[in-house]
Amino acid sequence: MILQLNLAAVFTAVAQATVRRTKPILSSDRILYPALGFLGVIGVWWIIALSKHELMPTPPEALVANLDYILNPFYRRGPGDLGIGWLLLASLRRVLIGFGLGAIVAIPIGFLIGMSEKAMMALNPVIQILKPVSPLAWLPIALAIFNLADPSAIFVIFITSLWATIINTALGVASVPKDYLDVARVLEMPRWRRILKIVLPASLPYIFTGLRISLGVAWLVIVAVEMLTGGVGIGFFVWDEWSRLNLSSVFLAVLVIGLTGLLLDLALAQIEAWVTHRRRAS
C-alpha cells in the first residue's frame, strides 16, 4: 500500500513538472499568434482564389491536388518524373556546395580586411562594386566558363555567399577591443595565437550573422537560377508547373521552399549556439 502511494506521488510530481515545462510552449504567444498569422495568409489566398477560381485553386483544392507529392515525396517514375523530395535534395546540394565554398573564401578575406587597413583600402572598393550586382547577372558568365548548368548554378551561389560573410566578418574582427590585443602583445603572444584565442572567439557572432544572411540569400537565388538553367531542382519544378498552369503544385513548392529556408536558418543558428556557447534566440 505504501509503495503504491509512493508511486502515485512520483507520477503526480512528474505530471506536474511536465505541465509546467510545456505550459510556456503552449502559451498564446508561441502557438496562437503564429497560427493566426498563417490563418490570415490562408484566408487571403482563399479570397483571391474565389475571385480567380478559373486559374487559382482554393487551399483545400490545392491540398487534394498535391496529395501524391505530399504522401510520396521520393518516388521515381521515369527520367524526368521525380518526387518533390528528390528535387529539393538536388537544390540543397547545390546551395550547400556553393555556400560552403563561399564561406571558405569569405571568412579569411574578412579577417584580412578587419586586421589590415591596407587590405581594407585595397579590397573594399572591389567589394562595394561587385556586391550590388544581381546574382543572375553572373549566370551568363558562369555558363560561358563552365558550359554546364550544374556548376554554373553552384558558381552563382558561391558569388552570392561571399559579400555578407566578408562584411560581417571584417566588422567583427575590427570590433575586437584594442585592450585585448595590447595585452596579447605585452605577453608576446604569436600572431596566429592572437587570432585563434582572441580575435576569432570575439568575432564569431558577427561571422555567424554573415553566414546566416548568406545562406538565406543563397537559398533565395537557387530557385531563380534553376528556373533559367532547367534540370532537376525545386526552382525548375516551379517554372515547369507554371508552364502547365498547375498552380496547385506551385503553391506546394512555395511552401516547401519557405519551410526549407526556415529549417536551414534554424540549423545554422543551432550550430552557432553550440560553437559560441550562447543560448539561441527563440
C-alpha atoms as a PDB file:
ATOM      1  CA  MET A   1       0.000   0.000   0.000  1.00  0.00           C
ATOM      2  CA  ILE A   2       2.815   2.370   0.941  1.00  0.00           C
ATOM      3  CA  LEU A   3       4.634   1.504  -2.293  1.00  0.00           C
ATOM      4  CA  GLN A   4       1.531   2.309  -4.345  1.00  0.00           C
ATOM      5  CA  LEU A   5       1.168   5.660  -2.573  1.00  0.00           C
ATOM      6  CA  ASN A   6       4.828   6.464  -3.255  1.00  0.00           C
ATOM      7  CA  LEU A   7       4.463   5.548  -6.941  1.00  0.00           C
ATOM      8  CA  ALA A   8       1.338   7.685  -7.191  1.00  0.00           C
ATOM      9  CA  ALA A   9       3.182  10.610  -5.623  1.00  0.00           C
ATOM     10  CA  VAL A  10       6.082  10.183  -8.063  1.00  0.00           C
ATOM     11  CA  PHE A  11       3.749  10.057 -11.095  1.00  0.00           C
ATOM     12  CA  THR A  12       1.897  13.140  -9.822  1.00  0.00           C
ATOM     13  CA  ALA A  13       5.144  15.068  -9.397  1.00  0.00           C
ATOM     14  CA  VAL A  14       6.329  14.060 -12.880  1.00  0.00           C
ATOM     15  CA  ALA A  15       2.998  15.085 -14.413  1.00  0.00           C
ATOM     16  CA  GLN A  16       3.076  18.460 -12.674  1.00  0.00           C
ATOM     17  CA  ALA A  17       6.669  19.077 -13.813  1.00  0.00           C
ATOM     18  CA  THR A  18       5.730  18.141 -17.394  1.00  0.00           C
ATOM     19  CA  VAL A  19       2.791  20.544 -17.348  1.00  0.00           C
ATOM     20  CA  ARG A  20       4.994  23.354 -16.014  1.00  0.00           C
ATOM     21  CA  ARG A  21       7.525  22.759 -18.790  1.00  0.00           C
ATOM     22  CA  THR A  22       5.006  22.520 -21.625  1.00  0.00           C
ATOM     23  CA  LYS A  23       2.831  25.400 -20.477  1.00  0.00           C
ATOM     24  CA  PRO A  24       5.180  28.124 -21.843  1.00  0.00           C
ATOM     25  CA  ILE A  25       5.357  26.271 -25.151  1.00  0.00           C
ATOM     26  CA  LEU A  26       1.584  26.112 -25.406  1.00  0.00           C
ATOM     27  CA  SER A  27       1.102  29.739 -24.356  1.00  0.00           C
ATOM     28  CA  SER A  28      -0.664  32.134 -26.721  1.00  0.00           C
ATOM     29  CA  ASP A  29       2.469  33.972 -27.822  1.00  0.00           C
ATOM     30  CA  ARG A  30       4.103  30.717 -29.029  1.00  0.00           C
ATOM     31  CA  ILE A  31       1.148  28.962 -30.673  1.00  0.00           C
ATOM     32  CA  LEU A  32      -1.869  31.222 -31.013  1.00  0.00           C
ATOM     33  CA  TYR A  33      -0.307  34.227 -32.722  1.00  0.00           C
ATOM     34  CA  PRO A  34       1.675  32.268 -35.343  1.00  0.00           C
ATOM     35  CA  ALA A  35      -1.450  30.201 -36.024  1.00  0.00           C
ATOM     36  CA  LEU A  36      -3.472  33.385 -36.506  1.00  0.00           C
ATOM     37  CA  GLY A  37      -0.830  34.702 -38.889  1.00  0.00           C
ATOM     38  CA  PHE A  38      -0.933  31.557 -41.039  1.00  0.00           C
ATOM     39  CA  LEU A  39      -4.730  31.501 -40.958  1.00  0.00           C
ATOM     40  CA  GLY A  40      -4.725  35.100 -42.158  1.00  0.00           C
ATOM     41  CA  VAL A  41      -2.466  34.216 -45.112  1.00  0.00           C
ATOM     42  CA  ILE A  42      -4.646  31.215 -45.977  1.00  0.00           C
ATOM     43  CA  GLY A  43      -7.741  33.415 -45.722  1.00  0.00           C
ATOM     44  CA  VAL A  44      -6.303  35.960 -48.151  1.00  0.00           C
ATOM     45  CA  TRP A  45      -5.345  33.133 -50.523  1.00  0.00           C
ATOM     46  CA  TRP A  46      -8.872  31.708 -50.282  1.00  0.00           C
ATOM     47  CA  ILE A  47     -10.495  35.074 -51.060  1.00  0.00           C
ATOM     48  CA  ILE A  48      -8.235  35.682 -54.076  1.00  0.00           C
ATOM     49  CA  ALA A  49      -8.795  32.105 -55.294  1.00  0.00           C
ATOM     50  CA  LEU A  50     -12.569  32.534 -55.165  1.00  0.00           C
ATOM     51  CA  SER A  51     -12.338  35.671 -57.300  1.00  0.00           C
ATOM     52  CA  LYS A  52      -9.929  33.967 -59.776  1.00  0.00           C
ATOM     53  CA  HIS A  53     -11.233  30.444 -59.470  1.00  0.00           C
ATOM     54  CA  GLU A  54     -10.689  29.612 -63.119  1.00  0.00           C
ATOM     55  CA  LEU A  55      -6.909  29.954 -62.603  1.00  0.00           C
ATOM     56  CA  MET A  56      -6.159  29.675 -58.896  1.00  0.00           C
ATOM     57  CA  PRO A  57      -7.179  26.756 -56.623  1.00  0.00           C
ATOM     58  CA  THR A  58      -8.516  27.200 -53.119  1.00  0.00           C
ATOM     59  CA  PRO A  59      -6.439  25.778 -50.232  1.00  0.00           C
ATOM     60  CA  PRO A  60      -8.484  22.545 -49.952  1.00  0.00           C
ATOM     61  CA  GLU A  61      -8.315  22.008 -53.719  1.00  0.00           C
ATOM     62  CA  ALA A  62      -4.532  22.554 -53.693  1.00  0.00           C
ATOM     63  CA  LEU A  63      -4.179  20.078 -50.819  1.00  0.00           C
ATOM     64  CA  VAL A  64      -6.136  17.392 -52.658  1.00  0.00           C
ATOM     65  CA  ALA A  65      -4.237  18.004 -55.911  1.00  0.00           C
ATOM     66  CA  ASN A  66      -0.876  17.676 -54.142  1.00  0.00           C
ATOM     67  CA  LEU A  67      -1.589  14.590 -52.048  1.00  0.00           C
ATOM     68  CA  ASP A  68       0.583  12.420 -54.299  1.00  0.00           C
ATOM     69  CA  TYR A  69       3.572  14.767 -53.895  1.00  0.00           C
ATOM     70  CA  ILE A  70       2.992  15.011 -50.136  1.00  0.00           C
ATOM     71  CA  LEU A  71       2.495  11.298 -49.463  1.00  0.00           C
ATOM     72  CA  ASN A  72       5.171  10.097 -51.916  1.00  0.00           C
ATOM     73  CA  PRO A  73       7.916  12.753 -51.966  1.00  0.00           C
ATOM     74  CA  PHE A  74      10.664  10.337 -53.103  1.00  0.00           C
ATOM     75  CA  TYR A  75       9.053   8.468 -55.967  1.00  0.00           C
ATOM     76  CA  ARG A  76      10.855   7.724 -59.261  1.00  0.00           C
ATOM     77  CA  ARG A  77       8.597   7.166 -62.250  1.00  0.00           C
ATOM     78  CA  GLY A  78      10.940   7.985 -65.072  1.00  0.00           C
ATOM     79  CA  PRO A  79      13.964  10.102 -66.028  1.00  0.00           C
ATOM     80  CA  GLY A  80      12.086  13.379 -65.680  1.00  0.00           C
ATOM     81  CA  ASP A  81       9.370  12.332 -63.238  1.00  0.00           C
ATOM     82  CA  LEU A  82      10.775  12.593 -59.718  1.00  0.00           C
ATOM     83  CA  GLY A  83       9.157  13.285 -56.379  1.00  0.00           C
ATOM     84  CA  ILE A  84       9.479  16.722 -54.833  1.00  0.00           C
ATOM     85  CA  GLY A  85      11.820  15.304 -52.194  1.00  0.00           C
ATOM     86  CA  TRP A  86      14.451  14.446 -54.822  1.00  0.00           C
ATOM     87  CA  LEU A  87      14.086  17.895 -56.386  1.00  0.00           C
ATOM     88  CA  LEU A  88      14.556  19.531 -53.005  1.00  0.00           C
ATOM     89  CA  LEU A  89      17.674  17.470 -52.284  1.00  0.00           C
ATOM     90  CA  ALA A  90      19.176  18.420 -55.649  1.00  0.00           C
ATOM     91  CA  SER A  91      18.694  22.125 -54.898  1.00  0.00           C
ATOM     92  CA  LEU A  92      20.035  21.719 -51.365  1.00  0.00           C
ATOM     93  CA  ARG A  93      23.162  20.024 -52.692  1.00  0.00           C
ATOM     94  CA  ARG A  94      23.921  22.949 -54.994  1.00  0.00           C
ATOM     95  CA  VAL A  95      23.253  25.504 -52.272  1.00  0.00           C
ATOM     96  CA  LEU A  96      25.368  23.769 -49.634  1.00  0.00           C
ATOM     97  CA  ILE A  97      28.323  23.275 -52.005  1.00  0.00           C
ATOM     98  CA  GLY A  98      28.263  26.894 -53.201  1.00  0.00           C
ATOM     99  CA  PHE A  99      27.643  28.240 -49.706  1.00  0.00           C
ATOM    100  CA  GLY A 100      30.434  26.123 -48.222  1.00  0.00           C
ATOM    101  CA  LEU A 101      32.938  27.254 -50.844  1.00  0.00           C
ATOM    102  CA  GLY A 102      31.844  30.853 -50.311  1.00  0.00           C
ATOM    103  CA  ALA A 103      32.358  30.574 -46.546  1.00  0.00           C
ATOM    104  CA  ILE A 104      35.831  29.065 -47.018  1.00  0.00           C
ATOM    105  CA  VAL A 105      36.834  32.050 -49.159  1.00  0.00           C
ATOM    106  CA  ALA A 106      34.883  34.826 -47.428  1.00  0.00           C
ATOM    107  CA  ILE A 107      35.921  34.271 -43.805  1.00  0.00           C
ATOM    108  CA  PRO A 108      39.708  34.570 -44.412  1.00  0.00           C
ATOM    109  CA  ILE A 109      39.136  37.636 -46.612  1.00  0.00           C
ATOM    110  CA  GLY A 110      37.020  39.165 -43.847  1.00  0.00           C
ATOM    111  CA  PHE A 111      39.795  38.520 -41.326  1.00  0.00           C
ATOM    112  CA  LEU A 112      42.344  40.097 -43.666  1.00  0.00           C
ATOM    113  CA  ILE A 113      40.218  43.218 -44.164  1.00  0.00           C
ATOM    114  CA  GLY A 114      39.414  43.525 -40.461  1.00  0.00           C
ATOM    115  CA  MET A 115      43.025  43.206 -39.330  1.00  0.00           C
ATOM    116  CA  SER A 116      44.790  45.190 -42.057  1.00  0.00           C
ATOM    117  CA  GLU A 117      43.925  48.738 -43.034  1.00  0.00           C
ATOM    118  CA  LYS A 118      45.877  48.381 -46.285  1.00  0.00           C
ATOM    119  CA  ALA A 119      43.883  45.270 -47.232  1.00  0.00           C
ATOM    120  CA  MET A 120      40.682  47.125 -46.412  1.00  0.00           C
ATOM    121  CA  MET A 121      41.662  50.032 -48.644  1.00  0.00           C
ATOM    122  CA  ALA A 122      42.558  47.648 -51.483  1.00  0.00           C
ATOM    123  CA  LEU A 123      39.585  45.263 -51.290  1.00  0.00           C
ATOM    124  CA  ASN A 124      36.731  47.427 -50.038  1.00  0.00           C
ATOM    125  CA  PRO A 125      36.181  49.254 -53.382  1.00  0.00           C
ATOM    126  CA  VAL A 126      36.115  45.916 -55.213  1.00  0.00           C
ATOM    127  CA  ILE A 127      33.556  44.516 -52.769  1.00  0.00           C
ATOM    128  CA  GLN A 128      31.372  47.626 -52.938  1.00  0.00           C
ATOM    129  CA  ILE A 129      31.341  47.475 -56.743  1.00  0.00           C
ATOM    130  CA  LEU A 130      30.591  43.739 -57.044  1.00  0.00           C
ATOM    131  CA  LYS A 131      28.190  43.445 -54.106  1.00  0.00           C
ATOM    132  CA  PRO A 132      25.226  45.269 -55.746  1.00  0.00           C
ATOM    133  CA  VAL A 133      25.450  43.161 -58.923  1.00  0.00           C
ATOM    134  CA  SER A 134      22.424  40.912 -59.258  1.00  0.00           C
ATOM    135  CA  PRO A 135      23.301  37.246 -58.772  1.00  0.00           C
ATOM    136  CA  LEU A 136      21.548  36.381 -62.017  1.00  0.00           C
ATOM    137  CA  ALA A 137      23.884  38.718 -63.878  1.00  0.00           C
ATOM    138  CA  TRP A 138      26.679  36.253 -63.062  1.00  0.00           C
ATOM    139  CA  LEU A 139      24.811  33.357 -64.668  1.00  0.00           C
ATOM    140  CA  PRO A 140      25.764  34.099 -68.321  1.00  0.00           C
ATOM    141  CA  ILE A 141      29.405  34.455 -67.258  1.00  0.00           C
ATOM    142  CA  ALA A 142      29.235  31.162 -65.363  1.00  0.00           C
ATOM    143  CA  LEU A 143      27.627  29.396 -68.340  1.00  0.00           C
ATOM    144  CA  ALA A 144      30.362  30.755 -70.618  1.00  0.00           C
ATOM    145  CA  ILE A 145      33.056  29.464 -68.244  1.00  0.00           C
ATOM    146  CA  PHE A 146      31.635  26.044 -67.329  1.00  0.00           C
ATOM    147  CA  ASN A 147      29.269  25.394 -70.241  1.00  0.00           C
ATOM    148  CA  LEU A 148      27.142  23.279 -67.861  1.00  0.00           C
ATOM    149  CA  ALA A 149      24.100  24.188 -65.804  1.00  0.00           C
ATOM    150  CA  ASP A 150      25.040  22.471 -62.528  1.00  0.00           C
ATOM    151  CA  PRO A 151      28.489  24.038 -61.917  1.00  0.00           C
ATOM    152  CA  SER A 152      27.141  27.363 -63.175  1.00  0.00           C
ATOM    153  CA  ALA A 153      24.412  27.325 -60.545  1.00  0.00           C
ATOM    154  CA  ILE A 154      26.971  26.452 -57.847  1.00  0.00           C
ATOM    155  CA  PHE A 155      29.205  29.307 -59.033  1.00  0.00           C
ATOM    156  CA  VAL A 156      26.329  31.799 -58.751  1.00  0.00           C
ATOM    157  CA  ILE A 157      25.607  30.567 -55.211  1.00  0.00           C
ATOM    158  CA  PHE A 158      29.312  30.909 -54.412  1.00  0.00           C
ATOM    159  CA  ILE A 159      29.361  34.537 -55.567  1.00  0.00           C
ATOM    160  CA  THR A 160      26.120  35.242 -53.703  1.00  0.00           C
ATOM    161  CA  SER A 161      27.502  33.804 -50.463  1.00  0.00           C
ATOM    162  CA  LEU A 162      30.605  35.991 -50.343  1.00  0.00           C
ATOM    163  CA  TRP A 163      29.528  39.525 -49.575  1.00  0.00           C
ATOM    164  CA  ALA A 164      27.509  39.329 -46.361  1.00  0.00           C
ATOM    165  CA  THR A 165      30.023  36.948 -44.797  1.00  0.00           C
ATOM    166  CA  ILE A 166      33.020  39.098 -45.772  1.00  0.00           C
ATOM    167  CA  ILE A 167      31.448  42.303 -44.468  1.00  0.00           C
ATOM    168  CA  ASN A 168      30.228  40.854 -41.174  1.00  0.00           C
ATOM    169  CA  THR A 169      33.492  39.002 -40.539  1.00  0.00           C
ATOM    170  CA  ALA A 170      35.518  42.160 -41.167  1.00  0.00           C
ATOM    171  CA  LEU A 171      33.211  44.121 -38.864  1.00  0.00           C
ATOM    172  CA  GLY A 172      33.568  41.514 -36.121  1.00  0.00           C
ATOM    173  CA  VAL A 173      37.355  41.419 -36.395  1.00  0.00           C
ATOM    174  CA  ALA A 174      37.598  45.215 -36.392  1.00  0.00           C
ATOM    175  CA  SER A 175      35.324  45.383 -33.329  1.00  0.00           C
ATOM    176  CA  VAL A 176      37.644  43.353 -31.091  1.00  0.00           C
ATOM    177  CA  PRO A 177      38.624  45.611 -28.157  1.00  0.00           C
ATOM    178  CA  LYS A 178      42.095  47.076 -28.572  1.00  0.00           C
ATOM    179  CA  ASP A 179      42.878  46.349 -24.918  1.00  0.00           C
ATOM    180  CA  TYR A 180      42.725  42.615 -25.561  1.00  0.00           C
ATOM    181  CA  LEU A 181      45.204  42.888 -28.409  1.00  0.00           C
ATOM    182  CA  ASP A 182      47.503  45.163 -26.409  1.00  0.00           C
ATOM    183  CA  VAL A 183      47.637  42.657 -23.559  1.00  0.00           C
ATOM    184  CA  ALA A 184      48.435  39.889 -26.049  1.00  0.00           C
ATOM    185  CA  ARG A 185      51.312  41.954 -27.447  1.00  0.00           C
ATOM    186  CA  VAL A 186      52.647  42.599 -23.964  1.00  0.00           C
ATOM    187  CA  LEU A 187      52.586  38.866 -23.309  1.00  0.00           C
ATOM    188  CA  GLU A 188      54.437  38.402 -26.627  1.00  0.00           C
ATOM    189  CA  MET A 189      51.712  36.116 -27.911  1.00  0.00           C
ATOM    190  CA  PRO A 190      52.350  34.991 -31.529  1.00  0.00           C
ATOM    191  CA  ARG A 191      50.096  36.477 -34.173  1.00  0.00           C
ATOM    192  CA  TRP A 192      48.466  33.172 -35.055  1.00  0.00           C
ATOM    193  CA  ARG A 193      47.696  32.558 -31.383  1.00  0.00           C
ATOM    194  CA  ARG A 194      46.171  36.022 -31.045  1.00  0.00           C
ATOM    195  CA  ILE A 195      43.895  35.245 -33.965  1.00  0.00           C
ATOM    196  CA  LEU A 196      42.790  31.863 -32.590  1.00  0.00           C
ATOM    197  CA  LYS A 197      42.481  32.817 -28.920  1.00  0.00           C
ATOM    198  CA  ILE A 198      41.262  36.426 -29.045  1.00  0.00           C
ATOM    199  CA  VAL A 199      40.096  37.623 -32.460  1.00  0.00           C
ATOM    200  CA  LEU A 200      38.213  34.511 -33.591  1.00  0.00           C
ATOM    201  CA  PRO A 201      36.123  33.954 -30.409  1.00  0.00           C
ATOM    202  CA  ALA A 202      35.233  37.650 -30.198  1.00  0.00           C
ATOM    203  CA  SER A 203      34.135  37.821 -33.842  1.00  0.00           C
ATOM    204  CA  LEU A 204      32.199  34.527 -34.019  1.00  0.00           C
ATOM    205  CA  PRO A 205      28.756  36.142 -33.503  1.00  0.00           C
ATOM    206  CA  TYR A 206      29.430  38.504 -36.402  1.00  0.00           C
ATOM    207  CA  ILE A 207      30.688  35.644 -38.582  1.00  0.00           C
ATOM    208  CA  PHE A 208      27.587  33.549 -37.950  1.00  0.00           C
ATOM    209  CA  THR A 209      25.342  36.533 -38.627  1.00  0.00           C
ATOM    210  CA  GLY A 210      27.006  36.909 -42.018  1.00  0.00           C
ATOM    211  CA  LEU A 211      26.713  33.183 -42.687  1.00  0.00           C
ATOM    212  CA  ARG A 212      23.002  33.162 -41.879  1.00  0.00           C
ATOM    213  CA  ILE A 213      22.384  36.114 -44.195  1.00  0.00           C
ATOM    214  CA  SER A 214      24.452  34.495 -46.958  1.00  0.00           C
ATOM    215  CA  LEU A 215      22.649  31.162 -46.612  1.00  0.00           C
ATOM    216  CA  GLY A 216      19.246  32.851 -46.814  1.00  0.00           C
ATOM    217  CA  VAL A 217      20.230  34.753 -49.943  1.00  0.00           C
ATOM    218  CA  ALA A 218      21.770  31.625 -51.484  1.00  0.00           C
ATOM    219  CA  TRP A 219      18.557  29.664 -50.977  1.00  0.00           C
ATOM    220  CA  LEU A 220      16.618  32.569 -52.464  1.00  0.00           C
ATOM    221  CA  VAL A 221      18.844  32.715 -55.538  1.00  0.00           C
ATOM    222  CA  ILE A 222      18.933  28.976 -56.331  1.00  0.00           C
ATOM    223  CA  VAL A 223      15.233  28.983 -57.209  1.00  0.00           C
ATOM    224  CA  ALA A 224      15.700  31.745 -59.778  1.00  0.00           C
ATOM    225  CA  VAL A 225      18.861  30.156 -61.174  1.00  0.00           C
ATOM    226  CA  GLU A 226      17.176  26.776 -61.645  1.00  0.00           C
ATOM    227  CA  MET A 227      14.266  28.447 -63.403  1.00  0.00           C
ATOM    228  CA  LEU A 228      16.718  29.696 -66.037  1.00  0.00           C
ATOM    229  CA  THR A 229      19.053  26.709 -66.279  1.00  0.00           C
ATOM    230  CA  GLY A 230      16.477  23.907 -66.016  1.00  0.00           C
ATOM    231  CA  GLY A 231      17.358  20.401 -64.915  1.00  0.00           C
ATOM    232  CA  VAL A 232      16.469  18.749 -61.636  1.00  0.00           C
ATOM    233  CA  GLY A 233      15.629  21.129 -58.806  1.00  0.00           C
ATOM    234  CA  ILE A 234      12.843  22.805 -56.907  1.00  0.00           C
ATOM    235  CA  GLY A 235      13.239  26.026 -58.928  1.00  0.00           C
ATOM    236  CA  PHE A 236      12.750  24.294 -62.266  1.00  0.00           C
ATOM    237  CA  PHE A 237       9.790  22.443 -60.736  1.00  0.00           C
ATOM    238  CA  VAL A 238       8.106  25.793 -60.042  1.00  0.00           C
ATOM    239  CA  TRP A 239       8.684  27.001 -63.608  1.00  0.00           C
ATOM    240  CA  ASP A 240       7.622  23.701 -65.153  1.00  0.00           C
ATOM    241  CA  GLU A 241       4.387  23.562 -63.169  1.00  0.00           C
ATOM    242  CA  TRP A 242       3.622  27.187 -64.022  1.00  0.00           C
ATOM    243  CA  SER A 243       4.140  26.387 -67.715  1.00  0.00           C
ATOM    244  CA  ARG A 244       1.459  23.715 -67.299  1.00  0.00           C
ATOM    245  CA  LEU A 245      -0.782  26.221 -65.445  1.00  0.00           C
ATOM    246  CA  ASN A 246      -0.714  23.889 -62.453  1.00  0.00           C
ATOM    247  CA  LEU A 247      -0.812  26.475 -59.672  1.00  0.00           C
ATOM    248  CA  SER A 248      -1.607  23.850 -57.032  1.00  0.00           C
ATOM    249  CA  SER A 249       1.916  22.456 -57.364  1.00  0.00           C
ATOM    250  CA  VAL A 250       3.373  25.960 -57.442  1.00  0.00           C
ATOM    251  CA  PHE A 251       1.773  26.707 -54.068  1.00  0.00           C
ATOM    252  CA  LEU A 252       3.183  23.452 -52.704  1.00  0.00           C
ATOM    253  CA  ALA A 253       6.660  24.377 -53.955  1.00  0.00           C
ATOM    254  CA  VAL A 254       6.401  27.827 -52.360  1.00  0.00           C
ATOM    255  CA  LEU A 255       5.532  26.207 -49.029  1.00  0.00           C
ATOM    256  CA  VAL A 256       8.391  23.700 -49.315  1.00  0.00           C
ATOM    257  CA  ILE A 257      10.874  26.440 -50.246  1.00  0.00           C
ATOM    258  CA  GLY A 258       9.798  28.593 -47.319  1.00  0.00           C
ATOM    259  CA  LEU A 259       9.931  25.771 -44.769  1.00  0.00           C
ATOM    260  CA  THR A 260      13.326  24.635 -46.054  1.00  0.00           C
ATOM    261  CA  GLY A 261      14.724  28.152 -45.724  1.00  0.00           C
ATOM    262  CA  LEU A 262      13.398  28.326 -42.162  1.00  0.00           C
ATOM    263  CA  LEU A 263      14.975  24.974 -41.249  1.00  0.00           C
ATOM    264  CA  LEU A 264      18.313  25.974 -42.776  1.00  0.00           C
ATOM    265  CA  ASP A 265      18.388  29.156 -40.718  1.00  0.00           C
ATOM    266  CA  LEU A 266      17.409  27.289 -37.539  1.00  0.00           C
ATOM    267  CA  ALA A 267      20.113  24.695 -38.167  1.00  0.00           C
ATOM    268  CA  LEU A 268      22.794  27.359 -38.604  1.00  0.00           C
ATOM    269  CA  ALA A 269      21.541  29.177 -35.502  1.00  0.00           C
ATOM    270  CA  GLN A 270      21.831  25.936 -33.525  1.00  0.00           C
ATOM    271  CA  ILE A 271      25.382  25.425 -34.794  1.00  0.00           C
ATOM    272  CA  GLU A 272      26.153  28.977 -33.671  1.00  0.00           C
ATOM    273  CA  ALA A 273      24.773  28.192 -30.210  1.00  0.00           C
ATOM    274  CA  TRP A 274      26.975  25.082 -29.974  1.00  0.00           C
ATOM    275  CA  VAL A 275      30.115  26.870 -31.169  1.00  0.00           C
ATOM    276  CA  THR A 276      29.723  30.119 -29.213  1.00  0.00           C
ATOM    277  CA  HIS A 277      28.004  28.531 -26.177  1.00  0.00           C
ATOM    278  CA  ARG A 278      25.317  31.178 -26.362  1.00  0.00           C
ATOM    279  CA  ARG A 279      21.625  30.445 -25.898  1.00  0.00           C
ATOM    280  CA  ARG A 280      19.829  30.566 -29.248  1.00  0.00           C
ATOM    281  CA  ALA A 281      17.074  33.147 -29.528  1.00  0.00           C
ATOM    282  CA  SER A 282      13.574  31.718 -29.986  1.00  0.00           C
END
